[in-house]
Amino acid sequence: MTQLRWGLVAAGSIAADFAAGVERSKHGVLEAVAARSADRAREFATRFDIPKAYGSYADLLADPDVDAVYIATPHPMHAEWAIRAAEAGKHVLCEKPLTVTAPEAEKVIDAARRHDVFLMEAFMYRLHPQTRRLVELIECGAIGEIRAVDVTFSYSSGANDAPRLADPALGGGGILDVGCYCTSLARLVAQAATGTEVVEPTTVTGMARLSERGVDEYAMGLLRLPGDIIAQLSCGFRLTQDDHIRVYGTTGQLSVPKPAWLPKMRQPAASQIVLTPENGEPEVIEIEATQSVFTREADHVATHLAQRQAPELTWAETLANMRTLDRWRAAVGYGG
């Protein structure tokens, strides 16, 4: 396989994490970076020894040496630049959520289809060995039939609150920022339990504390999923909670005390899944990740270019998750 030449659309912290991941990948090289200012792009390029720096996203898309782009802009800009990248014939890896709403996501996917390019939403935790082992345990019936899921991803941004988190015009709020992981994981559990490729909840309810601007500062959701599985979700950017995954079955439970999406778990690290039988002692299953999730992402895109979709994160999967997020935000009264 020839090397995939990457262009980075935006030069923030998550783009830096991805750039470091590409540096350690088997099939990727850093070709270009674009930022809203040429100075920032040049500074980023120097940091990662990237050959080209642009002060315009459009200029990067016009570069014939760029094969694929990683879009790391704020949420509301994802749709525009993913579509423009597809129109320029570039393969696309776009940060989660793919867009702000499901109808926008449909437009991005349509552009990828029409222009015959690869497109994947960057839910990097799906590629982590911890997630894959969790799915295996569910599929093999390690805790019997699945009945419930409990997922929390919530933190307090404090004084370092990024402006986008509090601004509805920038897709702010905990549901889009971290709640999207909760919906994705809950749906993944139901898919593994029912042997179904893509599932969506039949019922979505929720409550949230909304800011004066109508943004969800922290929220809870309740989903009824196929297989009569109930999922309880909790997320937020202004409330620190105990981040975890718990899956309850008829003969035991699975617990993940440090989910793969947490910042400390994104680099090579050991993690655990605790399997507790109904009438037995807990078994700690050790999992070793030898690569960062961003390195896995870069190589995963390169491996599946010909299929235009990644098996773990198909376009149907992305749309199902986006529709669930739309319903959760509507249930809590997002935006008034």
C-alpha atoms as a PDB file:
ATOM      1  CA  MET A   1       0.000   0.000   0.000  1.00  0.00           C
ATOM      2  CA  THR A   2       1.300   3.438  -0.930  1.00  0.00           C
ATOM      3  CA  GLN A   3       1.436   6.082   1.753  1.00  0.00           C
ATOM      4  CA  LEU A   4      -1.603   8.279   2.294  1.00  0.00           C
ATOM      5  CA  ARG A   5      -0.694  11.968   2.256  1.00  0.00           C
ATOM      6  CA  TRP A   6      -2.679  13.855   4.889  1.00  0.00           C
ATOM      7  CA  GLY A   7      -3.801  17.463   5.020  1.00  0.00           C
ATOM      8  CA  LEU A   8      -5.058  18.849   8.336  1.00  0.00           C
ATOM      9  CA  VAL A   9      -8.001  21.240   8.188  1.00  0.00           C
ATOM     10  CA  ALA A  10      -7.522  23.291  11.389  1.00  0.00           C
ATOM     11  CA  ALA A  11      -4.572  23.417  13.757  1.00  0.00           C
ATOM     12  CA  GLY A  12      -5.989  23.011  17.252  1.00  0.00           C
ATOM     13  CA  SER A  13      -5.222  20.539  20.014  1.00  0.00           C
ATOM     14  CA  ILE A  14      -7.097  17.586  18.512  1.00  0.00           C
ATOM     15  CA  ALA A  15      -5.340  18.171  15.177  1.00  0.00           C
ATOM     16  CA  ALA A  16      -2.039  18.040  17.062  1.00  0.00           C
ATOM     17  CA  ASP A  17      -3.007  14.688  18.588  1.00  0.00           C
ATOM     18  CA  PHE A  18      -3.884  13.341  15.154  1.00  0.00           C
ATOM     19  CA  ALA A  19      -0.681  14.688  13.623  1.00  0.00           C
ATOM     20  CA  ALA A  20       1.352  12.865  16.266  1.00  0.00           C
ATOM     21  CA  GLY A  21      -0.629   9.735  15.467  1.00  0.00           C
ATOM     22  CA  VAL A  22       0.067   9.992  11.746  1.00  0.00           C
ATOM     23  CA  GLU A  23       3.790  10.344  12.469  1.00  0.00           C
ATOM     24  CA  ARG A  24       3.699   6.866  14.050  1.00  0.00           C
ATOM     25  CA  SER A  25       1.416   5.271  11.449  1.00  0.00           C
ATOM     26  CA  LYS A  26       2.421   2.661   8.881  1.00  0.00           C
ATOM     27  CA  HIS A  27       0.577   4.138   5.922  1.00  0.00           C
ATOM     28  CA  GLY A  28       0.329   7.898   6.519  1.00  0.00           C
ATOM     29  CA  VAL A  29       2.502  10.982   6.081  1.00  0.00           C
ATOM     30  CA  LEU A  30       1.800  14.602   6.948  1.00  0.00           C
ATOM     31  CA  GLU A  31       1.702  16.693   3.784  1.00  0.00           C
ATOM     32  CA  ALA A  32      -0.016  19.967   4.688  1.00  0.00           C
ATOM     33  CA  VAL A  33      -1.850  21.897   7.387  1.00  0.00           C
ATOM     34  CA  ALA A  34      -4.258  24.823   7.107  1.00  0.00           C
ATOM     35  CA  ALA A  35      -5.402  27.255   9.776  1.00  0.00           C
ATOM     36  CA  ARG A  36      -7.382  30.464   9.890  1.00  0.00           C
ATOM     37  CA  SER A  37      -4.118  32.384   9.908  1.00  0.00           C
ATOM     38  CA  ALA A  38      -0.972  31.645   7.942  1.00  0.00           C
ATOM     39  CA  ASP A  39       1.194  32.275  11.025  1.00  0.00           C
ATOM     40  CA  ARG A  40      -0.636  29.662  13.047  1.00  0.00           C
ATOM     41  CA  ALA A  41      -0.405  27.162  10.199  1.00  0.00           C
ATOM     42  CA  ARG A  42       3.351  27.753   9.839  1.00  0.00           C
ATOM     43  CA  GLU A  43       3.880  27.355  13.579  1.00  0.00           C
ATOM     44  CA  PHE A  44       1.978  24.059  13.549  1.00  0.00           C
ATOM     45  CA  ALA A  45       3.868  22.876  10.453  1.00  0.00           C
ATOM     46  CA  THR A  46       7.201  23.606  12.111  1.00  0.00           C
ATOM     47  CA  ARG A  47       6.166  21.696  15.205  1.00  0.00           C
ATOM     48  CA  PHE A  48       5.398  18.543  13.219  1.00  0.00           C
ATOM     49  CA  ASP A  49       7.809  19.014  10.316  1.00  0.00           C
ATOM     50  CA  ILE A  50       4.945  19.330   7.821  1.00  0.00           C
ATOM     51  CA  PRO A  51       6.113  20.455   4.352  1.00  0.00           C
ATOM     52  CA  LYS A  52       3.266  22.881   3.571  1.00  0.00           C
ATOM     53  CA  ALA A  53       1.289  25.413   5.595  1.00  0.00           C
ATOM     54  CA  TYR A  54      -1.758  27.315   4.365  1.00  0.00           C
ATOM     55  CA  GLY A  55      -3.679  30.248   5.797  1.00  0.00           C
ATOM     56  CA  SER A  56      -6.779  29.044   3.975  1.00  0.00           C
ATOM     57  CA  TYR A  57      -8.642  25.740   4.094  1.00  0.00           C
ATOM     58  CA  ALA A  58      -9.546  26.172   0.425  1.00  0.00           C
ATOM     59  CA  ASP A  59      -5.871  26.429  -0.539  1.00  0.00           C
ATOM     60  CA  LEU A  60      -5.154  23.137   1.182  1.00  0.00           C
ATOM     61  CA  LEU A  61      -8.003  21.441  -0.696  1.00  0.00           C
ATOM     62  CA  ALA A  62      -6.532  22.718  -3.966  1.00  0.00           C
ATOM     63  CA  ASP A  63      -3.188  21.031  -3.240  1.00  0.00           C
ATOM     64  CA  PRO A  64      -2.830  18.027  -5.615  1.00  0.00           C
ATOM     65  CA  ASP A  65      -0.351  16.352  -3.243  1.00  0.00           C
ATOM     66  CA  VAL A  66      -2.976  15.951  -0.490  1.00  0.00           C
ATOM     67  CA  ASP A  67      -4.826  12.619  -0.699  1.00  0.00           C
ATOM     68  CA  ALA A  68      -6.929  12.788   2.464  1.00  0.00           C
ATOM     69  CA  VAL A  69      -7.987  15.445   4.934  1.00  0.00           C
ATOM     70  CA  TYR A  70      -8.605  15.356   8.654  1.00  0.00           C
ATOM     71  CA  ILE A  71     -11.250  17.937   9.579  1.00  0.00           C
ATOM     72  CA  ALA A  72     -10.820  19.284  13.107  1.00  0.00           C
ATOM     73  CA  THR A  73     -12.775  22.538  12.959  1.00  0.00           C
ATOM     74  CA  PRO A  74     -15.635  23.401  15.359  1.00  0.00           C
ATOM     75  CA  HIS A  75     -18.761  21.273  14.778  1.00  0.00           C
ATOM     76  CA  PRO A  76     -20.760  23.719  12.635  1.00  0.00           C
ATOM     77  CA  MET A  77     -17.944  23.904  10.064  1.00  0.00           C
ATOM     78  CA  HIS A  78     -17.697  20.147   9.579  1.00  0.00           C
ATOM     79  CA  ALA A  79     -20.409  19.872   6.941  1.00  0.00           C
ATOM     80  CA  GLU A  80     -19.102  22.684   4.730  1.00  0.00           C
ATOM     81  CA  TRP A  81     -15.512  21.527   4.672  1.00  0.00           C
ATOM     82  CA  ALA A  82     -16.285  17.824   4.424  1.00  0.00           C
ATOM     83  CA  ILE A  83     -18.454  18.528   1.387  1.00  0.00           C
ATOM     84  CA  ARG A  84     -15.863  20.819  -0.155  1.00  0.00           C
ATOM     85  CA  ALA A  85     -13.168  18.216   0.464  1.00  0.00           C
ATOM     86  CA  ALA A  86     -15.262  15.546  -1.275  1.00  0.00           C
ATOM     87  CA  GLU A  87     -15.847  17.909  -4.190  1.00  0.00           C
ATOM     88  CA  ALA A  88     -12.064  18.359  -4.408  1.00  0.00           C
ATOM     89  CA  GLY A  89     -11.631  14.585  -4.593  1.00  0.00           C
ATOM     90  CA  LYS A  90     -10.082  14.247  -1.123  1.00  0.00           C
ATOM     91  CA  HIS A  91     -10.793  11.364   1.212  1.00  0.00           C
ATOM     92  CA  VAL A  92     -12.283  12.570   4.498  1.00  0.00           C
ATOM     93  CA  LEU A  93     -11.799  11.735   8.157  1.00  0.00           C
ATOM     94  CA  CYS A  94     -13.969  14.183  10.111  1.00  0.00           C
ATOM     95  CA  GLU A  95     -14.019  14.689  13.846  1.00  0.00           C
ATOM     96  CA  LYS A  96     -17.117  13.655  15.730  1.00  0.00           C
ATOM     97  CA  PRO A  97     -19.899  14.493  15.554  1.00  0.00           C
ATOM     98  CA  LEU A  98     -19.798  14.405  11.761  1.00  0.00           C
ATOM     99  CA  THR A  99     -22.155  17.381  11.679  1.00  0.00           C
ATOM    100  CA  VAL A 100     -24.491  19.222  14.037  1.00  0.00           C
ATOM    101  CA  THR A 101     -27.660  17.506  12.772  1.00  0.00           C
ATOM    102  CA  ALA A 102     -28.624  14.346  10.918  1.00  0.00           C
ATOM    103  CA  PRO A 103     -29.902  16.211   7.805  1.00  0.00           C
ATOM    104  CA  GLU A 104     -26.471  17.865   7.506  1.00  0.00           C
ATOM    105  CA  ALA A 105     -24.809  14.465   7.833  1.00  0.00           C
ATOM    106  CA  GLU A 106     -26.939  13.143   4.983  1.00  0.00           C
ATOM    107  CA  LYS A 107     -25.619  15.933   2.755  1.00  0.00           C
ATOM    108  CA  VAL A 108     -22.011  15.103   3.626  1.00  0.00           C
ATOM    109  CA  ILE A 109     -22.547  11.419   2.927  1.00  0.00           C
ATOM    110  CA  ASP A 110     -24.263  12.235  -0.353  1.00  0.00           C
ATOM    111  CA  ALA A 111     -21.244  14.318  -1.381  1.00  0.00           C
ATOM    112  CA  ALA A 112     -18.862  11.461  -0.535  1.00  0.00           C
ATOM    113  CA  ARG A 113     -20.990   9.062  -2.556  1.00  0.00           C
ATOM    114  CA  ARG A 114     -21.271  11.373  -5.576  1.00  0.00           C
ATOM    115  CA  HIS A 115     -17.570  12.159  -5.656  1.00  0.00           C
ATOM    116  CA  ASP A 116     -16.486   8.588  -4.830  1.00  0.00           C
ATOM    117  CA  VAL A 117     -14.292   9.363  -1.823  1.00  0.00           C
ATOM    118  CA  PHE A 118     -13.754   7.672   1.521  1.00  0.00           C
ATOM    119  CA  LEU A 119     -15.606   9.205   4.469  1.00  0.00           C
ATOM    120  CA  MET A 120     -15.412   8.280   8.159  1.00  0.00           C
ATOM    121  CA  GLU A 121     -16.534   9.973  11.357  1.00  0.00           C
ATOM    122  CA  ALA A 122     -13.626  10.020  13.813  1.00  0.00           C
ATOM    123  CA  PHE A 123     -15.054   8.009  16.709  1.00  0.00           C
ATOM    124  CA  MET A 124     -11.580   6.724  17.522  1.00  0.00           C
ATOM    125  CA  TYR A 125     -12.730   4.655  20.527  1.00  0.00           C
ATOM    126  CA  ARG A 126     -14.417   2.197  18.148  1.00  0.00           C
ATOM    127  CA  LEU A 127     -10.961   1.053  16.973  1.00  0.00           C
ATOM    128  CA  HIS A 128      -9.507   0.585  20.467  1.00  0.00           C
ATOM    129  CA  PRO A 129      -8.841  -3.037  21.578  1.00  0.00           C
ATOM    130  CA  GLN A 130     -10.835  -2.348  24.746  1.00  0.00           C
ATOM    131  CA  THR A 131     -13.972  -1.669  22.712  1.00  0.00           C
ATOM    132  CA  ARG A 132     -13.422  -4.682  20.509  1.00  0.00           C
ATOM    133  CA  ARG A 133     -12.987  -6.931  23.565  1.00  0.00           C
ATOM    134  CA  LEU A 134     -16.167  -5.549  25.125  1.00  0.00           C
ATOM    135  CA  VAL A 135     -18.088  -6.410  21.961  1.00  0.00           C
ATOM    136  CA  GLU A 136     -16.618  -9.924  21.930  1.00  0.00           C
ATOM    137  CA  LEU A 137     -17.692 -10.553  25.528  1.00  0.00           C
ATOM    138  CA  ILE A 138     -21.241  -9.447  24.762  1.00  0.00           C
ATOM    139  CA  GLU A 139     -21.433 -11.484  21.568  1.00  0.00           C
ATOM    140  CA  CYS A 140     -20.204 -14.674  23.242  1.00  0.00           C
ATOM    141  CA  GLY A 141     -22.806 -14.404  26.013  1.00  0.00           C
ATOM    142  CA  ALA A 142     -20.314 -13.815  28.834  1.00  0.00           C
ATOM    143  CA  ILE A 143     -23.051 -12.168  30.947  1.00  0.00           C
ATOM    144  CA  GLY A 144     -26.093 -13.769  29.346  1.00  0.00           C
ATOM    145  CA  GLU A 145     -28.764 -11.686  27.635  1.00  0.00           C
ATOM    146  CA  ILE A 146     -28.142  -7.961  27.814  1.00  0.00           C
ATOM    147  CA  ARG A 147     -30.764  -5.988  29.741  1.00  0.00           C
ATOM    148  CA  ALA A 148     -29.303  -2.543  30.493  1.00  0.00           C
ATOM    149  CA  VAL A 149     -26.420  -0.168  29.779  1.00  0.00           C
ATOM    150  CA  ASP A 150     -25.151   2.713  31.922  1.00  0.00           C
ATOM    151  CA  VAL A 151     -22.693   5.155  30.310  1.00  0.00           C
ATOM    152  CA  THR A 152     -21.238   8.404  31.656  1.00  0.00           C
ATOM    153  CA  PHE A 153     -18.817  10.874  30.078  1.00  0.00           C
ATOM    154  CA  SER A 154     -18.890  14.180  31.917  1.00  0.00           C
ATOM    155  CA  TYR A 155     -16.330  16.761  33.006  1.00  0.00           C
ATOM    156  CA  SER A 156     -16.095  20.324  34.271  1.00  0.00           C
ATOM    157  CA  SER A 157     -14.339  22.701  31.897  1.00  0.00           C
ATOM    158  CA  GLY A 158     -14.026  25.310  34.654  1.00  0.00           C
ATOM    159  CA  ALA A 159     -12.158  28.533  33.978  1.00  0.00           C
ATOM    160  CA  ASN A 160     -10.714  27.094  30.767  1.00  0.00           C
ATOM    161  CA  ASP A 161     -14.141  26.772  29.198  1.00  0.00           C
ATOM    162  CA  ALA A 162     -13.712  26.788  25.403  1.00  0.00           C
ATOM    163  CA  PRO A 163     -16.058  29.369  23.835  1.00  0.00           C
ATOM    164  CA  ARG A 164     -17.549  26.745  21.498  1.00  0.00           C
ATOM    165  CA  LEU A 165     -18.878  24.716  24.437  1.00  0.00           C
ATOM    166  CA  ALA A 166     -21.183  27.480  25.634  1.00  0.00           C
ATOM    167  CA  ASP A 167     -22.247  28.858  22.262  1.00  0.00           C
ATOM    168  CA  PRO A 168     -25.276  27.312  20.514  1.00  0.00           C
ATOM    169  CA  ALA A 169     -24.091  28.833  17.230  1.00  0.00           C
ATOM    170  CA  LEU A 170     -20.917  26.735  17.546  1.00  0.00           C
ATOM    171  CA  GLY A 171     -22.741  23.494  18.342  1.00  0.00           C
ATOM    172  CA  GLY A 172     -22.080  23.880  22.054  1.00  0.00           C
ATOM    173  CA  GLY A 173     -23.307  21.661  24.857  1.00  0.00           C
ATOM    174  CA  GLY A 174     -22.378  18.389  26.467  1.00  0.00           C
ATOM    175  CA  ILE A 175     -24.545  16.172  24.266  1.00  0.00           C
ATOM    176  CA  LEU A 176     -22.701  16.995  21.047  1.00  0.00           C
ATOM    177  CA  ASP A 177     -19.297  17.244  22.726  1.00  0.00           C
ATOM    178  CA  VAL A 178     -19.237  14.033  24.785  1.00  0.00           C
ATOM    179  CA  GLY A 179     -22.782  12.663  24.877  1.00  0.00           C
ATOM    180  CA  CYS A 180     -22.232  11.449  21.335  1.00  0.00           C
ATOM    181  CA  TYR A 181     -19.832   8.837  22.757  1.00  0.00           C
ATOM    182  CA  CYS A 182     -22.534   7.684  25.164  1.00  0.00           C
ATOM    183  CA  THR A 183     -25.141   7.204  22.427  1.00  0.00           C
ATOM    184  CA  SER A 184     -22.600   5.490  20.193  1.00  0.00           C
ATOM    185  CA  LEU A 185     -21.539   3.046  22.920  1.00  0.00           C
ATOM    186  CA  ALA A 186     -25.082   2.240  24.025  1.00  0.00           C
ATOM    187  CA  ARG A 187     -26.088   1.522  20.448  1.00  0.00           C
ATOM    188  CA  LEU A 188     -22.945  -0.586  19.927  1.00  0.00           C
ATOM    189  CA  VAL A 189     -23.879  -2.733  22.917  1.00  0.00           C
ATOM    190  CA  ALA A 190     -27.364  -3.277  21.515  1.00  0.00           C
ATOM    191  CA  GLN A 191     -25.923  -4.139  18.111  1.00  0.00           C
ATOM    192  CA  ALA A 192     -23.590  -6.726  19.629  1.00  0.00           C
ATOM    193  CA  ALA A 193     -26.377  -8.155  21.795  1.00  0.00           C
ATOM    194  CA  THR A 194     -28.914  -8.493  18.977  1.00  0.00           C
ATOM    195  CA  GLY A 195     -26.548  -9.344  16.131  1.00  0.00           C
ATOM    196  CA  THR A 196     -27.837  -6.342  14.204  1.00  0.00           C
ATOM    197  CA  GLU A 197     -25.527  -4.215  12.060  1.00  0.00           C
ATOM    198  CA  VAL A 198     -27.075  -0.841  12.975  1.00  0.00           C
ATOM    199  CA  VAL A 199     -29.718  -0.067  15.608  1.00  0.00           C
ATOM    200  CA  GLU A 200     -31.570   3.026  16.734  1.00  0.00           C
ATOM    201  CA  PRO A 201     -33.573   3.567  19.907  1.00  0.00           C
ATOM    202  CA  THR A 202     -37.339   3.255  19.709  1.00  0.00           C
ATOM    203  CA  THR A 203     -37.690   5.788  22.522  1.00  0.00           C
ATOM    204  CA  VAL A 204     -35.484   8.727  23.547  1.00  0.00           C
ATOM    205  CA  THR A 205     -36.196  10.869  26.594  1.00  0.00           C
ATOM    206  CA  GLY A 206     -34.026  13.157  28.660  1.00  0.00           C
ATOM    207  CA  MET A 207     -33.507  16.131  30.909  1.00  0.00           C
ATOM    208  CA  ALA A 208     -30.756  18.721  31.148  1.00  0.00           C
ATOM    209  CA  ARG A 209     -29.590  21.838  32.877  1.00  0.00           C
ATOM    210  CA  LEU A 210     -29.670  24.464  30.165  1.00  0.00           C
ATOM    211  CA  SER A 211     -27.667  27.672  30.192  1.00  0.00           C
ATOM    212  CA  GLU A 212     -29.249  31.059  29.591  1.00  0.00           C
ATOM    213  CA  ARG A 213     -28.256  30.628  25.945  1.00  0.00           C
ATOM    214  CA  GLY A 214     -30.054  27.294  25.736  1.00  0.00           C
ATOM    215  CA  VAL A 215     -26.989  25.035  25.741  1.00  0.00           C
ATOM    216  CA  ASP A 216     -27.052  21.789  27.743  1.00  0.00           C
ATOM    217  CA  GLU A 217     -24.429  22.116  30.474  1.00  0.00           C
ATOM    218  CA  TYR A 218     -25.102  18.590  31.683  1.00  0.00           C
ATOM    219  CA  ALA A 219     -27.752  16.138  30.603  1.00  0.00           C
ATOM    220  CA  MET A 220     -29.166  12.692  31.119  1.00  0.00           C
ATOM    221  CA  GLY A 221     -30.838  10.531  28.536  1.00  0.00           C
ATOM    222  CA  LEU A 222     -32.868   7.336  28.604  1.00  0.00           C
ATOM    223  CA  LEU A 223     -33.052   5.104  25.536  1.00  0.00           C
ATOM    224  CA  ARG A 224     -35.080   2.011  24.772  1.00  0.00           C
ATOM    225  CA  LEU A 225     -33.089  -0.037  22.292  1.00  0.00           C
ATOM    226  CA  PRO A 226     -33.882  -3.163  20.258  1.00  0.00           C
ATOM    227  CA  GLY A 227     -33.750  -6.332  22.337  1.00  0.00           C
ATOM    228  CA  ASP A 228     -35.671  -4.460  25.041  1.00  0.00           C
ATOM    229  CA  ILE A 229     -32.373  -3.002  26.258  1.00  0.00           C
ATOM    230  CA  ILE A 230     -32.577   0.147  28.385  1.00  0.00           C
ATOM    231  CA  ALA A 231     -29.676   2.616  28.272  1.00  0.00           C
ATOM    232  CA  GLN A 232     -29.039   5.355  30.815  1.00  0.00           C
ATOM    233  CA  LEU A 233     -26.693   8.090  29.589  1.00  0.00           C
ATOM    234  CA  SER A 234     -25.094  11.007  31.404  1.00  0.00           C
ATOM    235  CA  CYS A 235     -22.858  13.698  29.958  1.00  0.00           C
ATOM    236  CA  GLY A 236     -21.783  17.284  30.503  1.00  0.00           C
ATOM    237  CA  PHE A 237     -19.075  19.906  30.268  1.00  0.00           C
ATOM    238  CA  ARG A 238     -19.809  21.666  33.555  1.00  0.00           C
ATOM    239  CA  LEU A 239     -20.180  18.732  35.914  1.00  0.00           C
ATOM    240  CA  THR A 240     -17.503  16.214  36.828  1.00  0.00           C
ATOM    241  CA  GLN A 241     -18.914  12.710  37.157  1.00  0.00           C
ATOM    242  CA  ASP A 242     -17.538   9.187  37.415  1.00  0.00           C
ATOM    243  CA  ASP A 243     -16.847   8.282  33.779  1.00  0.00           C
ATOM    244  CA  HIS A 244     -17.684   4.643  33.143  1.00  0.00           C
ATOM    245  CA  ILE A 245     -19.381   1.963  31.061  1.00  0.00           C
ATOM    246  CA  ARG A 246     -21.515  -0.693  32.727  1.00  0.00           C
ATOM    247  CA  VAL A 247     -23.380  -3.428  30.881  1.00  0.00           C
ATOM    248  CA  TYR A 248     -25.872  -5.576  32.781  1.00  0.00           C
ATOM    249  CA  GLY A 249     -26.933  -9.045  31.666  1.00  0.00           C
ATOM    250  CA  THR A 250     -29.035 -11.891  32.989  1.00  0.00           C
ATOM    251  CA  THR A 251     -25.990 -13.730  34.397  1.00  0.00           C
ATOM    252  CA  GLY A 252     -23.618 -10.918  35.346  1.00  0.00           C
ATOM    253  CA  GLN A 253     -22.221  -7.552  34.439  1.00  0.00           C
ATOM    254  CA  LEU A 254     -19.320  -5.920  32.605  1.00  0.00           C
ATOM    255  CA  SER A 255     -17.675  -2.749  33.897  1.00  0.00           C
ATOM    256  CA  VAL A 256     -15.178  -0.492  32.153  1.00  0.00           C
ATOM    257  CA  PRO A 257     -13.754   1.943  34.729  1.00  0.00           C
ATOM    258  CA  LYS A 258     -11.683   3.898  32.192  1.00  0.00           C
ATOM    259  CA  PRO A 259     -13.382   3.995  28.782  1.00  0.00           C
ATOM    260  CA  ALA A 260     -11.157   4.241  25.723  1.00  0.00           C
ATOM    261  CA  TRP A 261     -12.383   7.735  24.827  1.00  0.00           C
ATOM    262  CA  LEU A 262     -10.891   9.377  27.937  1.00  0.00           C
ATOM    263  CA  PRO A 263      -7.865  11.596  27.173  1.00  0.00           C
ATOM    264  CA  LYS A 264      -5.427   9.417  29.143  1.00  0.00           C
ATOM    265  CA  MET A 265      -6.579   6.320  27.262  1.00  0.00           C
ATOM    266  CA  ARG A 266      -5.982   7.762  23.805  1.00  0.00           C
ATOM    267  CA  GLN A 267      -2.253   7.035  23.982  1.00  0.00           C
ATOM    268  CA  PRO A 268      -0.706   3.558  24.411  1.00  0.00           C
ATOM    269  CA  ALA A 269      -1.893   2.323  27.796  1.00  0.00           C
ATOM    270  CA  ALA A 270      -3.259  -0.622  29.725  1.00  0.00           C
ATOM    271  CA  SER A 271      -6.962  -0.779  30.593  1.00  0.00           C
ATOM    272  CA  GLN A 272      -9.388  -3.197  32.163  1.00  0.00           C
ATOM    273  CA  ILE A 273     -12.811  -4.714  31.755  1.00  0.00           C
ATOM    274  CA  VAL A 274     -14.230  -6.256  34.912  1.00  0.00           C
ATOM    275  CA  LEU A 275     -16.499  -9.274  34.388  1.00  0.00           C
ATOM    276  CA  THR A 276     -18.612 -10.024  37.451  1.00  0.00           C
ATOM    277  CA  PRO A 277     -20.736 -13.201  37.251  1.00  0.00           C
ATOM    278  CA  GLU A 278     -24.041 -13.104  39.115  1.00  0.00           C
ATOM    279  CA  ASN A 279     -22.850 -15.666  41.653  1.00  0.00           C
ATOM    280  CA  GLY A 280     -19.100 -15.407  41.360  1.00  0.00           C
ATOM    281  CA  GLU A 281     -16.000 -13.348  41.936  1.00  0.00           C
ATOM    282  CA  PRO A 282     -15.021 -10.463  39.640  1.00  0.00           C
ATOM    283  CA  GLU A 283     -12.579 -11.313  36.859  1.00  0.00           C
ATOM    284  CA  VAL A 284     -10.293  -8.517  35.688  1.00  0.00           C
ATOM    285  CA  ILE A 285      -9.575  -8.713  31.979  1.00  0.00           C
ATOM    286  CA  GLU A 286      -6.396  -6.826  31.101  1.00  0.00           C
ATOM    287  CA  ILE A 287      -6.161  -5.075  27.744  1.00  0.00           C
ATOM    288  CA  GLU A 288      -3.002  -3.556  26.321  1.00  0.00           C
ATOM    289  CA  ALA A 289      -3.121  -0.874  23.644  1.00  0.00           C
ATOM    290  CA  THR A 290       0.274  -0.517  21.954  1.00  0.00           C
ATOM    291  CA  GLN A 291      -0.727   2.339  19.637  1.00  0.00           C
ATOM    292  CA  SER A 292      -2.513   5.631  20.094  1.00  0.00           C
ATOM    293  CA  VAL A 293      -6.097   5.742  18.862  1.00  0.00           C
ATOM    294  CA  PHE A 294      -5.056   8.390  16.342  1.00  0.00           C
ATOM    295  CA  THR A 295      -2.423   6.134  14.803  1.00  0.00           C
ATOM    296  CA  ARG A 296      -5.071   3.428  14.536  1.00  0.00           C
ATOM    297  CA  GLU A 297      -7.426   5.889  12.838  1.00  0.00           C
ATOM    298  CA  ALA A 298      -4.887   6.978  10.240  1.00  0.00           C
ATOM    299  CA  ASP A 299      -4.018   3.401   9.297  1.00  0.00           C
ATOM    300  CA  HIS A 300      -7.659   2.322   9.372  1.00  0.00           C
ATOM    301  CA  VAL A 301      -8.556   4.952   6.783  1.00  0.00           C
ATOM    302  CA  ALA A 302      -5.693   3.860   4.544  1.00  0.00           C
ATOM    303  CA  THR A 303      -6.667   0.191   4.875  1.00  0.00           C
ATOM    304  CA  HIS A 304     -10.299   0.767   3.858  1.00  0.00           C
ATOM    305  CA  LEU A 305      -9.949   3.441   1.182  1.00  0.00           C
ATOM    306  CA  ALA A 306     -11.105   1.121  -1.582  1.00  0.00           C
ATOM    307  CA  GLN A 307     -14.360   0.343   0.243  1.00  0.00           C
ATOM    308  CA  ARG A 308     -15.013   4.085   0.804  1.00  0.00           C
ATOM    309  CA  GLN A 309     -16.390   3.211   4.267  1.00  0.00           C
ATOM    310  CA  ALA A 310     -14.906   1.655   7.397  1.00  0.00           C
ATOM    311  CA  PRO A 311     -16.700  -1.454   8.709  1.00  0.00           C
ATOM    312  CA  GLU A 312     -16.807  -0.149  12.293  1.00  0.00           C
ATOM    313  CA  LEU A 313     -18.082   3.272  11.274  1.00  0.00           C
ATOM    314  CA  THR A 314     -20.246   2.952   8.199  1.00  0.00           C
ATOM    315  CA  TRP A 315     -22.317   5.835   6.884  1.00  0.00           C
ATOM    316  CA  ALA A 316     -25.454   4.088   8.149  1.00  0.00           C
ATOM    317  CA  GLU A 317     -23.866   3.927  11.615  1.00  0.00           C
ATOM    318  CA  THR A 318     -23.077   7.630  11.572  1.00  0.00           C
ATOM    319  CA  LEU A 319     -26.595   8.571  10.488  1.00  0.00           C
ATOM    320  CA  ALA A 320     -28.176   6.396  13.176  1.00  0.00           C
ATOM    321  CA  ASN A 321     -26.080   8.069  15.853  1.00  0.00           C
ATOM    322  CA  MET A 322     -26.759  11.562  14.516  1.00  0.00           C
ATOM    323  CA  ARG A 323     -30.516  10.922  14.542  1.00  0.00           C
ATOM    324  CA  THR A 324     -30.274   9.724  18.139  1.00  0.00           C
ATOM    325  CA  LEU A 325     -28.399  12.884  19.129  1.00  0.00           C
ATOM    326  CA  ASP A 326     -31.028  15.044  17.413  1.00  0.00           C
ATOM    327  CA  ARG A 327     -33.754  13.298  19.411  1.00  0.00           C
ATOM    328  CA  TRP A 328     -31.871  13.612  22.709  1.00  0.00           C
ATOM    329  CA  ARG A 329     -31.239  17.321  22.233  1.00  0.00           C
ATOM    330  CA  ALA A 330     -34.888  17.859  21.285  1.00  0.00           C
ATOM    331  CA  ALA A 331     -36.002  15.937  24.385  1.00  0.00           C
ATOM    332  CA  VAL A 332     -34.017  18.223  26.715  1.00  0.00           C
ATOM    333  CA  GLY A 333     -35.195  21.408  24.987  1.00  0.00           C
ATOM    334  CA  TYR A 334     -31.847  22.357  23.477  1.00  0.00           C
ATOM    335  CA  GLY A 335     -31.855  25.887  22.066  1.00  0.00           C
ATOM    336  CA  GLY A 336     -35.201  26.729  23.660  1.00  0.00           C
END
